Amino acid sequence: MTVDLSVEIAGVRFPNPVLCAAGPLGHGREFAQVVDLGAFGGFVTKSITLEPREGNPRPDLVEVDCGFLNSVGLRNPGLAAFLTRDLPFLRTLGIPIIASLAGHSIAEFRELAGWLTEAEGIAALELNVSCPNVEDGLVFGTDPALLRELVRSVREVAHRPLFVKLTPNVTDIVSVARAAVGAGADALSLVNTLLGMAIDVHTRRPKLGGITGGLSGPAIRPVAVRMVFEVRRAVAVPLVGMGGIETAEHAAEFFLAGASAVAVGSAALKNPGVARELVEGLRAYLASQGMRSIGELVGALELSHAARP
C-alpha cells in the first residue's frame, strides 16, 4: 500500500509531517554533521532576535529523570547574522524553512517580521511568545489581550503564513489559542516547554545557571496531547503538536488528538536519526491501519459515549 505522508499547512507543503522544532538544533549548521536534517519535513529555526543575545549563564542544559531542563535564554547571533550566514545554509536543505522570531516588544516583533517575510527561502514565520527562560518570554503568551494585539500588528506586515507557538504555562490554553487565531494566526504550534527547576542537593545550588528553565521530553507529552485535543475542538486552523515525541506511536497520539503535523526537539539530542525513524514508523503504522494518508489520522480519536465531555 502506498502511503502519502505529505501535509499542507497554511499553504506550505511539507514532504512529511515531522518538523524540527525551534531551539535544540539551532540554525542547523551546528548539527549538520551529526543529524540528518533533510529527513525532517520542515525546519523551524532557533528563535531570532533583532540584536544578538548572549543568553543565560551556563550551565544552560541539564538532563533530568524525565527529559531535559534548558535555560538557554534565546541565545542567538541576531537578525543580520541569520540572514547572511545561517539562511543560505538552510536553503540548501531543500525543505520548508520556518523562521522563529522573538522580541521584547510588539515593535521588535513587527520589525523582525518585516525583514523575514521578505527573505528568500523563508516559507513561514513562527512567533515565539512562550519561552519560559527569558524575563519577558511569557508576557505575550499568557495574556490573550496582549497576544491578540501582537498577532494583529505582525499580521499587517507578514506576507507569509503566520504560526504562533503557545505556552503550556497557562490555566486556559483555549482562550490564548482563540486570541491568536482571531487576530490572524494561520496555524498554532503547541506546546513549548513547562517551567521547571532542578537543585543539586550536594552543593545546594540550582543546576541551571538561569535557576529555572523549560522542561522538555517524555514527561510533558500527556500535557501536550491534552492541550492539542482541547485546542483542536476550539479553533479551525491547523495545529503542530510537540512535546516529548520519541516514537511513531507518540507522534500518532498527537495526530489522533487533532494535530496536522508534529515537531521534534530534545529527542534529536539523544537520537540523531529520530526524524527518519518517525517517518518510517508513521508510514508503517498508517499502512497497518489501512490508511493511505496522514490526513486520515488527524482528529480520528474515538471517544466512547461515557467518555464524551
C-alpha atoms as a PDB file:
ATOM      1  CA  MET A   1       0.000   0.000   0.000  1.00  0.00           C
ATOM      2  CA  THR A   2       1.291   3.448  -0.932  1.00  0.00           C
ATOM      3  CA  VAL A   3       1.104   5.886   1.968  1.00  0.00           C
ATOM      4  CA  ASP A   4       1.237   9.652   1.394  1.00  0.00           C
ATOM      5  CA  LEU A   5       2.908  11.407   4.306  1.00  0.00           C
ATOM      6  CA  SER A   6       2.931  14.895   2.795  1.00  0.00           C
ATOM      7  CA  VAL A   7       0.901  17.597   4.522  1.00  0.00           C
ATOM      8  CA  GLU A   8      -0.119  21.131   3.676  1.00  0.00           C
ATOM      9  CA  ILE A   9      -0.374  23.720   6.436  1.00  0.00           C
ATOM     10  CA  ALA A  10      -1.442  27.286   5.687  1.00  0.00           C
ATOM     11  CA  GLY A  11      -0.437  26.826   2.060  1.00  0.00           C
ATOM     12  CA  VAL A  12       3.014  25.387   2.846  1.00  0.00           C
ATOM     13  CA  ARG A  13       3.609  21.881   1.501  1.00  0.00           C
ATOM     14  CA  PHE A  14       5.763  19.648   3.699  1.00  0.00           C
ATOM     15  CA  PRO A  15       7.085  16.328   2.279  1.00  0.00           C
ATOM     16  CA  ASN A  16       6.384  14.639   5.609  1.00  0.00           C
ATOM     17  CA  PRO A  17       4.693  15.741   8.850  1.00  0.00           C
ATOM     18  CA  VAL A  18       7.743  15.543  11.145  1.00  0.00           C
ATOM     19  CA  LEU A  19       9.227  19.012  11.627  1.00  0.00           C
ATOM     20  CA  CYS A  20      12.298  20.086  13.537  1.00  0.00           C
ATOM     21  CA  ALA A  21      11.097  22.198  16.476  1.00  0.00           C
ATOM     22  CA  ALA A  22      12.687  25.547  17.224  1.00  0.00           C
ATOM     23  CA  GLY A  23      15.599  25.510  19.629  1.00  0.00           C
ATOM     24  CA  PRO A  24      17.620  22.334  20.188  1.00  0.00           C
ATOM     25  CA  LEU A  25      19.179  22.128  16.710  1.00  0.00           C
ATOM     26  CA  GLY A  26      19.887  25.843  16.473  1.00  0.00           C
ATOM     27  CA  HIS A  27      20.023  27.071  12.882  1.00  0.00           C
ATOM     28  CA  GLY A  28      21.032  23.662  11.568  1.00  0.00           C
ATOM     29  CA  ARG A  29      24.676  24.222  10.659  1.00  0.00           C
ATOM     30  CA  GLU A  30      25.808  23.345  14.176  1.00  0.00           C
ATOM     31  CA  PHE A  31      24.377  19.812  13.857  1.00  0.00           C
ATOM     32  CA  ALA A  32      24.615  19.152  10.118  1.00  0.00           C
ATOM     33  CA  GLN A  33      27.455  16.648  10.528  1.00  0.00           C
ATOM     34  CA  VAL A  34      25.524  14.637  13.107  1.00  0.00           C
ATOM     35  CA  VAL A  35      21.804  14.945  12.377  1.00  0.00           C
ATOM     36  CA  ASP A  36      20.194  14.163   9.002  1.00  0.00           C
ATOM     37  CA  LEU A  37      18.390  17.496   8.755  1.00  0.00           C
ATOM     38  CA  GLY A  38      16.957  16.681   5.326  1.00  0.00           C
ATOM     39  CA  ALA A  39      14.921  13.842   6.850  1.00  0.00           C
ATOM     40  CA  PHE A  40      12.642  16.385   8.532  1.00  0.00           C
ATOM     41  CA  GLY A  41       9.600  17.597   6.657  1.00  0.00           C
ATOM     42  CA  GLY A  42      10.433  21.179   7.625  1.00  0.00           C
ATOM     43  CA  PHE A  43      12.898  23.072   9.801  1.00  0.00           C
ATOM     44  CA  VAL A  44      11.922  25.678  12.395  1.00  0.00           C
ATOM     45  CA  THR A  45      14.871  27.876  13.279  1.00  0.00           C
ATOM     46  CA  LYS A  46      16.046  28.758  16.744  1.00  0.00           C
ATOM     47  CA  SER A  47      14.306  31.993  17.686  1.00  0.00           C
ATOM     48  CA  ILE A  48      15.814  35.048  16.009  1.00  0.00           C
ATOM     49  CA  THR A  49      16.028  38.453  17.697  1.00  0.00           C
ATOM     50  CA  LEU A  50      16.889  41.838  16.203  1.00  0.00           C
ATOM     51  CA  GLU A  51      20.183  42.115  18.071  1.00  0.00           C
ATOM     52  CA  PRO A  52      22.489  39.317  19.227  1.00  0.00           C
ATOM     53  CA  ARG A  53      21.661  37.804  22.615  1.00  0.00           C
ATOM     54  CA  GLU A  54      24.199  36.161  24.895  1.00  0.00           C
ATOM     55  CA  GLY A  55      21.570  34.143  26.723  1.00  0.00           C
ATOM     56  CA  ASN A  56      21.612  32.955  30.310  1.00  0.00           C
ATOM     57  CA  PRO A  57      24.640  31.867  32.377  1.00  0.00           C
ATOM     58  CA  ARG A  58      25.836  28.309  31.876  1.00  0.00           C
ATOM     59  CA  PRO A  59      25.135  25.542  32.612  1.00  0.00           C
ATOM     60  CA  ASP A  60      22.079  26.054  30.421  1.00  0.00           C
ATOM     61  CA  LEU A  61      21.064  22.444  29.766  1.00  0.00           C
ATOM     62  CA  VAL A  62      20.775  19.578  32.245  1.00  0.00           C
ATOM     63  CA  GLU A  63      19.284  16.129  31.852  1.00  0.00           C
ATOM     64  CA  VAL A  64      16.709  15.141  34.444  1.00  0.00           C
ATOM     65  CA  ASP A  65      14.919  11.850  35.048  1.00  0.00           C
ATOM     66  CA  CYS A  66      12.070  12.755  32.724  1.00  0.00           C
ATOM     67  CA  GLY A  67      13.772  14.781  29.985  1.00  0.00           C
ATOM     68  CA  PHE A  68      15.788  17.995  29.809  1.00  0.00           C
ATOM     69  CA  LEU A  69      15.733  21.349  31.549  1.00  0.00           C
ATOM     70  CA  ASN A  70      17.114  24.210  29.498  1.00  0.00           C
ATOM     71  CA  SER A  71      17.778  27.836  30.274  1.00  0.00           C
ATOM     72  CA  VAL A  72      19.498  28.918  27.070  1.00  0.00           C
ATOM     73  CA  GLY A  73      17.649  32.226  27.097  1.00  0.00           C
ATOM     74  CA  LEU A  74      17.205  32.776  23.340  1.00  0.00           C
ATOM     75  CA  ARG A  75      20.967  32.898  22.733  1.00  0.00           C
ATOM     76  CA  ASN A  76      21.434  33.758  19.041  1.00  0.00           C
ATOM     77  CA  PRO A  77      23.626  35.912  16.778  1.00  0.00           C
ATOM     78  CA  GLY A  78      20.842  38.289  15.760  1.00  0.00           C
ATOM     79  CA  LEU A  79      18.942  39.036  12.563  1.00  0.00           C
ATOM     80  CA  ALA A  80      21.828  40.231  10.401  1.00  0.00           C
ATOM     81  CA  ALA A  81      23.936  37.144  11.099  1.00  0.00           C
ATOM     82  CA  PHE A  82      20.965  34.885  10.437  1.00  0.00           C
ATOM     83  CA  LEU A  83      20.242  36.451   7.058  1.00  0.00           C
ATOM     84  CA  THR A  84      23.846  36.455   5.859  1.00  0.00           C
ATOM     85  CA  ARG A  85      25.224  33.269   7.393  1.00  0.00           C
ATOM     86  CA  ASP A  86      22.526  30.855   8.534  1.00  0.00           C
ATOM     87  CA  LEU A  87      19.741  31.271   5.993  1.00  0.00           C
ATOM     88  CA  PRO A  88      21.970  30.479   2.980  1.00  0.00           C
ATOM     89  CA  PHE A  89      22.806  27.132   4.594  1.00  0.00           C
ATOM     90  CA  LEU A  90      19.185  26.374   5.472  1.00  0.00           C
ATOM     91  CA  ARG A  91      18.138  26.944   1.862  1.00  0.00           C
ATOM     92  CA  THR A  92      20.378  24.024   0.840  1.00  0.00           C
ATOM     93  CA  LEU A  93      18.260  21.554   2.853  1.00  0.00           C
ATOM     94  CA  GLY A  94      15.501  21.542   0.267  1.00  0.00           C
ATOM     95  CA  ILE A  95      12.697  21.568   2.821  1.00  0.00           C
ATOM     96  CA  PRO A  96      10.411  24.399   4.001  1.00  0.00           C
ATOM     97  CA  ILE A  97      12.079  26.748   6.483  1.00  0.00           C
ATOM     98  CA  ILE A  98      10.005  28.414   9.209  1.00  0.00           C
ATOM     99  CA  ALA A  99      11.688  31.364  10.896  1.00  0.00           C
ATOM    100  CA  SER A 100      11.002  31.622  14.629  1.00  0.00           C
ATOM    101  CA  LEU A 101      11.158  35.168  15.959  1.00  0.00           C
ATOM    102  CA  ALA A 102      11.171  36.691  19.427  1.00  0.00           C
ATOM    103  CA  GLY A 103      11.224  40.231  20.745  1.00  0.00           C
ATOM    104  CA  HIS A 104      10.941  42.389  23.828  1.00  0.00           C
ATOM    105  CA  SER A 105       8.087  44.408  22.360  1.00  0.00           C
ATOM    106  CA  ILE A 106       5.440  44.445  19.669  1.00  0.00           C
ATOM    107  CA  ALA A 107       7.610  46.879  17.731  1.00  0.00           C
ATOM    108  CA  GLU A 108      10.522  44.407  17.739  1.00  0.00           C
ATOM    109  CA  PHE A 109       8.336  41.511  16.614  1.00  0.00           C
ATOM    110  CA  ARG A 110       6.898  43.687  13.866  1.00  0.00           C
ATOM    111  CA  GLU A 111      10.302  44.816  12.601  1.00  0.00           C
ATOM    112  CA  LEU A 112      11.622  41.251  12.583  1.00  0.00           C
ATOM    113  CA  ALA A 113       8.568  40.031  10.703  1.00  0.00           C
ATOM    114  CA  GLY A 114       9.015  42.802   8.144  1.00  0.00           C
ATOM    115  CA  TRP A 115      12.553  41.681   7.371  1.00  0.00           C
ATOM    116  CA  LEU A 116      11.955  37.936   7.460  1.00  0.00           C
ATOM    117  CA  THR A 117       8.773  37.942   5.414  1.00  0.00           C
ATOM    118  CA  GLU A 118      10.832  39.331   2.502  1.00  0.00           C
ATOM    119  CA  ALA A 119      13.763  36.933   2.907  1.00  0.00           C
ATOM    120  CA  GLU A 120      14.276  34.397   0.141  1.00  0.00           C
ATOM    121  CA  GLY A 121      13.835  30.837   1.360  1.00  0.00           C
ATOM    122  CA  ILE A 122      11.523  31.537   4.302  1.00  0.00           C
ATOM    123  CA  ALA A 123       8.253  29.626   3.915  1.00  0.00           C
ATOM    124  CA  ALA A 124       6.522  30.871   7.080  1.00  0.00           C
ATOM    125  CA  LEU A 125       7.047  32.759  10.328  1.00  0.00           C
ATOM    126  CA  GLU A 126       6.534  31.461  13.863  1.00  0.00           C
ATOM    127  CA  LEU A 127       6.027  33.876  16.750  1.00  0.00           C
ATOM    128  CA  ASN A 128       7.727  32.607  19.900  1.00  0.00           C
ATOM    129  CA  VAL A 129       5.535  34.064  22.627  1.00  0.00           C
ATOM    130  CA  SER A 130       6.159  31.200  25.016  1.00  0.00           C
ATOM    131  CA  CYS A 131       9.815  30.936  26.070  1.00  0.00           C
ATOM    132  CA  PRO A 132       9.872  30.303  29.851  1.00  0.00           C
ATOM    133  CA  ASN A 133      13.535  31.120  30.463  1.00  0.00           C
ATOM    134  CA  VAL A 134      13.800  34.777  29.481  1.00  0.00           C
ATOM    135  CA  GLU A 135      12.484  37.645  31.575  1.00  0.00           C
ATOM    136  CA  ASP A 136       9.781  38.711  29.128  1.00  0.00           C
ATOM    137  CA  GLY A 137       9.316  35.404  27.319  1.00  0.00           C
ATOM    138  CA  LEU A 138       5.850  34.616  28.612  1.00  0.00           C
ATOM    139  CA  VAL A 139       4.378  38.116  28.627  1.00  0.00           C
ATOM    140  CA  PHE A 140       2.562  37.785  25.314  1.00  0.00           C
ATOM    141  CA  GLY A 141       1.786  34.079  25.530  1.00  0.00           C
ATOM    142  CA  THR A 142      -0.082  34.217  28.838  1.00  0.00           C
ATOM    143  CA  ASP A 143      -2.206  37.307  28.167  1.00  0.00           C
ATOM    144  CA  PRO A 144      -4.877  36.797  25.474  1.00  0.00           C
ATOM    145  CA  ALA A 145      -5.471  40.536  25.027  1.00  0.00           C
ATOM    146  CA  LEU A 146      -1.776  41.312  24.603  1.00  0.00           C
ATOM    147  CA  LEU A 147      -1.296  38.327  22.303  1.00  0.00           C
ATOM    148  CA  ARG A 148      -4.196  39.487  20.156  1.00  0.00           C
ATOM    149  CA  GLU A 149      -2.581  42.915  19.819  1.00  0.00           C
ATOM    150  CA  LEU A 150       0.792  41.393  18.914  1.00  0.00           C
ATOM    151  CA  VAL A 151      -0.535  38.988  16.291  1.00  0.00           C
ATOM    152  CA  ARG A 152      -2.731  41.652  14.723  1.00  0.00           C
ATOM    153  CA  SER A 153       0.230  44.020  14.416  1.00  0.00           C
ATOM    154  CA  VAL A 154       2.577  41.395  12.951  1.00  0.00           C
ATOM    155  CA  ARG A 155      -0.142  40.223  10.576  1.00  0.00           C
ATOM    156  CA  GLU A 156      -0.145  43.664   8.977  1.00  0.00           C
ATOM    157  CA  VAL A 157       3.467  43.285   7.792  1.00  0.00           C
ATOM    158  CA  ALA A 158       3.803  39.497   7.457  1.00  0.00           C
ATOM    159  CA  HIS A 159       3.032  38.348   3.933  1.00  0.00           C
ATOM    160  CA  ARG A 160       3.834  34.733   4.644  1.00  0.00           C
ATOM    161  CA  PRO A 161       1.901  32.153   6.691  1.00  0.00           C
ATOM    162  CA  LEU A 162       1.981  33.047  10.384  1.00  0.00           C
ATOM    163  CA  PHE A 163       2.347  30.391  13.086  1.00  0.00           C
ATOM    164  CA  VAL A 164       2.092  31.205  16.806  1.00  0.00           C
ATOM    165  CA  LYS A 165       3.827  28.963  19.352  1.00  0.00           C
ATOM    166  CA  LEU A 166       1.820  28.634  22.559  1.00  0.00           C
ATOM    167  CA  THR A 167       2.964  28.056  26.124  1.00  0.00           C
ATOM    168  CA  PRO A 168       1.551  25.355  28.410  1.00  0.00           C
ATOM    169  CA  ASN A 169       2.196  27.629  31.399  1.00  0.00           C
ATOM    170  CA  VAL A 170      -1.375  28.937  31.450  1.00  0.00           C
ATOM    171  CA  THR A 171      -4.609  27.931  33.119  1.00  0.00           C
ATOM    172  CA  ASP A 172      -6.678  28.153  29.913  1.00  0.00           C
ATOM    173  CA  ILE A 173      -4.889  27.256  26.671  1.00  0.00           C
ATOM    174  CA  VAL A 174      -8.095  27.609  24.658  1.00  0.00           C
ATOM    175  CA  SER A 175      -8.582  31.312  25.382  1.00  0.00           C
ATOM    176  CA  VAL A 176      -4.997  32.004  24.306  1.00  0.00           C
ATOM    177  CA  ALA A 177      -5.424  29.943  21.139  1.00  0.00           C
ATOM    178  CA  ARG A 178      -8.642  31.732  20.220  1.00  0.00           C
ATOM    179  CA  ALA A 179      -6.971  35.111  20.723  1.00  0.00           C
ATOM    180  CA  ALA A 180      -4.141  34.201  18.340  1.00  0.00           C
ATOM    181  CA  VAL A 181      -6.456  32.826  15.674  1.00  0.00           C
ATOM    182  CA  GLY A 182      -8.883  35.709  15.983  1.00  0.00           C
ATOM    183  CA  ALA A 183      -6.027  38.147  15.347  1.00  0.00           C
ATOM    184  CA  GLY A 184      -4.884  36.384  12.182  1.00  0.00           C
ATOM    185  CA  ALA A 185      -2.720  33.359  13.027  1.00  0.00           C
ATOM    186  CA  ASP A 186      -2.752  30.803  10.194  1.00  0.00           C
ATOM    187  CA  ALA A 187      -1.581  27.909  12.401  1.00  0.00           C
ATOM    188  CA  LEU A 188      -0.659  27.187  16.016  1.00  0.00           C
ATOM    189  CA  SER A 189       2.336  25.302  17.405  1.00  0.00           C
ATOM    190  CA  LEU A 190       1.879  23.698  20.812  1.00  0.00           C
ATOM    191  CA  VAL A 191       3.313  23.295  23.265  1.00  0.00           C
ATOM    192  CA  ASN A 192       6.545  24.957  24.338  1.00  0.00           C
ATOM    193  CA  THR A 193       8.325  23.786  27.478  1.00  0.00           C
ATOM    194  CA  LEU A 194       6.952  23.710  31.015  1.00  0.00           C
ATOM    195  CA  LEU A 195       8.663  25.913  33.594  1.00  0.00           C
ATOM    196  CA  GLY A 196      10.719  23.779  35.966  1.00  0.00           C
ATOM    197  CA  MET A 197      13.698  23.686  38.302  1.00  0.00           C
ATOM    198  CA  ALA A 198      16.357  21.217  39.449  1.00  0.00           C
ATOM    199  CA  ILE A 199      18.595  21.516  42.520  1.00  0.00           C
ATOM    200  CA  ASP A 200      21.940  19.868  43.254  1.00  0.00           C
ATOM    201  CA  VAL A 201      21.387  18.662  46.799  1.00  0.00           C
ATOM    202  CA  HIS A 202      25.134  18.331  47.443  1.00  0.00           C
ATOM    203  CA  THR A 203      26.045  21.920  46.553  1.00  0.00           C
ATOM    204  CA  ARG A 204      22.572  23.215  47.467  1.00  0.00           C
ATOM    205  CA  ARG A 205      22.579  25.256  44.274  1.00  0.00           C
ATOM    206  CA  PRO A 206      20.310  25.285  41.222  1.00  0.00           C
ATOM    207  CA  LYS A 207      21.594  23.015  38.476  1.00  0.00           C
ATOM    208  CA  LEU A 208      20.887  25.695  35.846  1.00  0.00           C
ATOM    209  CA  GLY A 209      22.757  28.965  35.632  1.00  0.00           C
ATOM    210  CA  GLY A 210      19.433  30.682  34.994  1.00  0.00           C
ATOM    211  CA  ILE A 211      17.946  28.979  38.107  1.00  0.00           C
ATOM    212  CA  THR A 212      14.707  27.893  36.387  1.00  0.00           C
ATOM    213  CA  GLY A 213      14.239  26.601  32.861  1.00  0.00           C
ATOM    214  CA  GLY A 214      11.983  24.872  30.384  1.00  0.00           C
ATOM    215  CA  LEU A 215      11.205  21.183  30.846  1.00  0.00           C
ATOM    216  CA  SER A 216      11.032  19.140  27.655  1.00  0.00           C
ATOM    217  CA  GLY A 217      10.913  15.431  26.986  1.00  0.00           C
ATOM    218  CA  PRO A 218       8.568  12.489  27.660  1.00  0.00           C
ATOM    219  CA  ALA A 219       7.197  13.872  30.932  1.00  0.00           C
ATOM    220  CA  ILE A 220       5.336  16.696  29.210  1.00  0.00           C
ATOM    221  CA  ARG A 221       3.776  14.614  26.416  1.00  0.00           C
ATOM    222  CA  PRO A 222       0.450  13.876  28.181  1.00  0.00           C
ATOM    223  CA  VAL A 223       0.057  17.574  28.923  1.00  0.00           C
ATOM    224  CA  ALA A 224       0.819  18.490  25.316  1.00  0.00           C
ATOM    225  CA  VAL A 225      -1.552  15.878  23.872  1.00  0.00           C
ATOM    226  CA  ARG A 226      -4.339  17.118  26.134  1.00  0.00           C
ATOM    227  CA  MET A 227      -3.791  20.708  25.049  1.00  0.00           C
ATOM    228  CA  VAL A 228      -3.773  19.802  21.355  1.00  0.00           C
ATOM    229  CA  PHE A 229      -7.058  17.956  21.883  1.00  0.00           C
ATOM    230  CA  GLU A 230      -8.636  20.932  23.648  1.00  0.00           C
ATOM    231  CA  VAL A 231      -7.449  23.496  21.117  1.00  0.00           C
ATOM    232  CA  ARG A 232      -8.453  21.358  18.141  1.00  0.00           C
ATOM    233  CA  ARG A 233     -12.065  21.470  19.326  1.00  0.00           C
ATOM    234  CA  ALA A 234     -11.943  25.257  19.734  1.00  0.00           C
ATOM    235  CA  VAL A 235     -10.248  26.568  16.573  1.00  0.00           C
ATOM    236  CA  ALA A 236     -10.234  25.646  12.901  1.00  0.00           C
ATOM    237  CA  VAL A 237      -6.601  26.395  11.937  1.00  0.00           C
ATOM    238  CA  PRO A 238      -4.008  23.611  11.590  1.00  0.00           C
ATOM    239  CA  LEU A 239      -2.016  22.615  14.672  1.00  0.00           C
ATOM    240  CA  VAL A 240       1.592  21.479  15.001  1.00  0.00           C
ATOM    241  CA  GLY A 241       1.863  19.282  18.089  1.00  0.00           C
ATOM    242  CA  MET A 242       5.046  18.807  20.089  1.00  0.00           C
ATOM    243  CA  GLY A 243       6.271  17.713  23.488  1.00  0.00           C
ATOM    244  CA  GLY A 244       8.176  14.517  24.293  1.00  0.00           C
ATOM    245  CA  ILE A 245       7.790  12.787  20.917  1.00  0.00           C
ATOM    246  CA  GLU A 246      10.338   9.976  20.559  1.00  0.00           C
ATOM    247  CA  THR A 247       8.499   7.234  18.637  1.00  0.00           C
ATOM    248  CA  ALA A 248       5.935   6.922  15.864  1.00  0.00           C
ATOM    249  CA  GLU A 249       3.369   5.884  18.465  1.00  0.00           C
ATOM    250  CA  HIS A 250       3.994   9.108  20.366  1.00  0.00           C
ATOM    251  CA  ALA A 251       3.507  11.098  17.159  1.00  0.00           C
ATOM    252  CA  ALA A 252       0.325   9.194  16.369  1.00  0.00           C
ATOM    253  CA  GLU A 253      -1.162  10.361  19.678  1.00  0.00           C
ATOM    254  CA  PHE A 254      -0.832  13.961  18.543  1.00  0.00           C
ATOM    255  CA  PHE A 255      -2.377  13.261  15.134  1.00  0.00           C
ATOM    256  CA  LEU A 256      -5.304  11.446  16.733  1.00  0.00           C
ATOM    257  CA  ALA A 257      -5.791  14.386  19.103  1.00  0.00           C
ATOM    258  CA  GLY A 258      -6.022  16.743  16.114  1.00  0.00           C
ATOM    259  CA  ALA A 259      -2.534  17.870  15.084  1.00  0.00           C
ATOM    260  CA  SER A 260      -1.836  18.170  11.349  1.00  0.00           C
ATOM    261  CA  ALA A 261       1.937  17.841  11.887  1.00  0.00           C
ATOM    262  CA  VAL A 262       4.336  17.228  14.753  1.00  0.00           C
ATOM    263  CA  ALA A 263       7.671  18.736  15.738  1.00  0.00           C
ATOM    264  CA  VAL A 264      10.621  17.118  17.468  1.00  0.00           C
ATOM    265  CA  GLY A 265      13.163  18.905  19.631  1.00  0.00           C
ATOM    266  CA  SER A 266      15.009  17.325  22.524  1.00  0.00           C
ATOM    267  CA  ALA A 267      14.637  13.792  21.124  1.00  0.00           C
ATOM    268  CA  ALA A 268      17.103  14.735  18.361  1.00  0.00           C
ATOM    269  CA  LEU A 269      19.753  15.442  21.006  1.00  0.00           C
ATOM    270  CA  LYS A 270      19.581  11.815  22.146  1.00  0.00           C
ATOM    271  CA  ASN A 271      18.856  10.210  18.788  1.00  0.00           C
ATOM    272  CA  PRO A 272      20.199  11.998  15.685  1.00  0.00           C
ATOM    273  CA  GLY A 273      18.222   9.637  13.445  1.00  0.00           C
ATOM    274  CA  VAL A 274      14.869  10.283  15.118  1.00  0.00           C
ATOM    275  CA  ALA A 275      13.293  12.091  12.137  1.00  0.00           C
ATOM    276  CA  ARG A 276      13.841   9.232   9.716  1.00  0.00           C
ATOM    277  CA  GLU A 277      12.707   6.694  12.318  1.00  0.00           C
ATOM    278  CA  LEU A 278       9.491   8.628  12.942  1.00  0.00           C
ATOM    279  CA  VAL A 279       8.732   8.955   9.228  1.00  0.00           C
ATOM    280  CA  GLU A 280       9.290   5.257   8.590  1.00  0.00           C
ATOM    281  CA  GLY A 281       7.338   4.323  11.710  1.00  0.00           C
ATOM    282  CA  LEU A 282       4.380   6.518  10.772  1.00  0.00           C
ATOM    283  CA  ARG A 283       4.309   5.047   7.278  1.00  0.00           C
ATOM    284  CA  ALA A 284       4.215   1.520   8.721  1.00  0.00           C
ATOM    285  CA  TYR A 285       1.578   2.487  11.283  1.00  0.00           C
ATOM    286  CA  LEU A 286      -0.728   4.052   8.690  1.00  0.00           C
ATOM    287  CA  ALA A 287      -0.368   1.001   6.446  1.00  0.00           C
ATOM    288  CA  SER A 288      -1.262  -1.268   9.370  1.00  0.00           C
ATOM    289  CA  GLN A 289      -4.400   0.817   9.924  1.00  0.00           C
ATOM    290  CA  GLY A 290      -5.397   0.662   6.265  1.00  0.00           C
ATOM    291  CA  MET A 291      -4.847   4.412   5.855  1.00  0.00           C
ATOM    292  CA  ARG A 292      -3.339   5.922   2.708  1.00  0.00           C
ATOM    293  CA  SER A 293      -2.542   9.410   4.011  1.00  0.00           C
ATOM    294  CA  ILE A 294      -1.652  11.157   7.239  1.00  0.00           C
ATOM    295  CA  GLY A 295      -4.782  13.256   6.874  1.00  0.00           C
ATOM    296  CA  GLU A 296      -6.928  10.207   7.631  1.00  0.00           C
ATOM    297  CA  LEU A 297      -5.335  10.007  11.073  1.00  0.00           C
ATOM    298  CA  VAL A 298      -5.788  13.661  12.026  1.00  0.00           C
ATOM    299  CA  GLY A 299      -8.526  14.022  14.624  1.00  0.00           C
ATOM    300  CA  ALA A 300      -9.529  10.363  14.303  1.00  0.00           C
ATOM    301  CA  LEU A 301      -9.697   9.864  18.056  1.00  0.00           C
ATOM    302  CA  GLU A 302     -12.663   7.715  19.046  1.00  0.00           C
ATOM    303  CA  LEU A 303     -14.487   8.617  22.240  1.00  0.00           C
ATOM    304  CA  SER A 304     -16.879   6.226  23.867  1.00  0.00           C
ATOM    305  CA  HIS A 305     -20.253   7.659  24.846  1.00  0.00           C
ATOM    306  CA  ALA A 306     -19.232   7.553  28.513  1.00  0.00           C
ATOM    307  CA  ALA A 307     -16.012   9.431  27.807  1.00  0.00           C
ATOM    308  CA  ARG A 308     -17.580  12.328  25.926  1.00  0.00           C
ATOM    309  CA  PRO A 309     -17.468  15.633  27.809  1.00  0.00           C
END
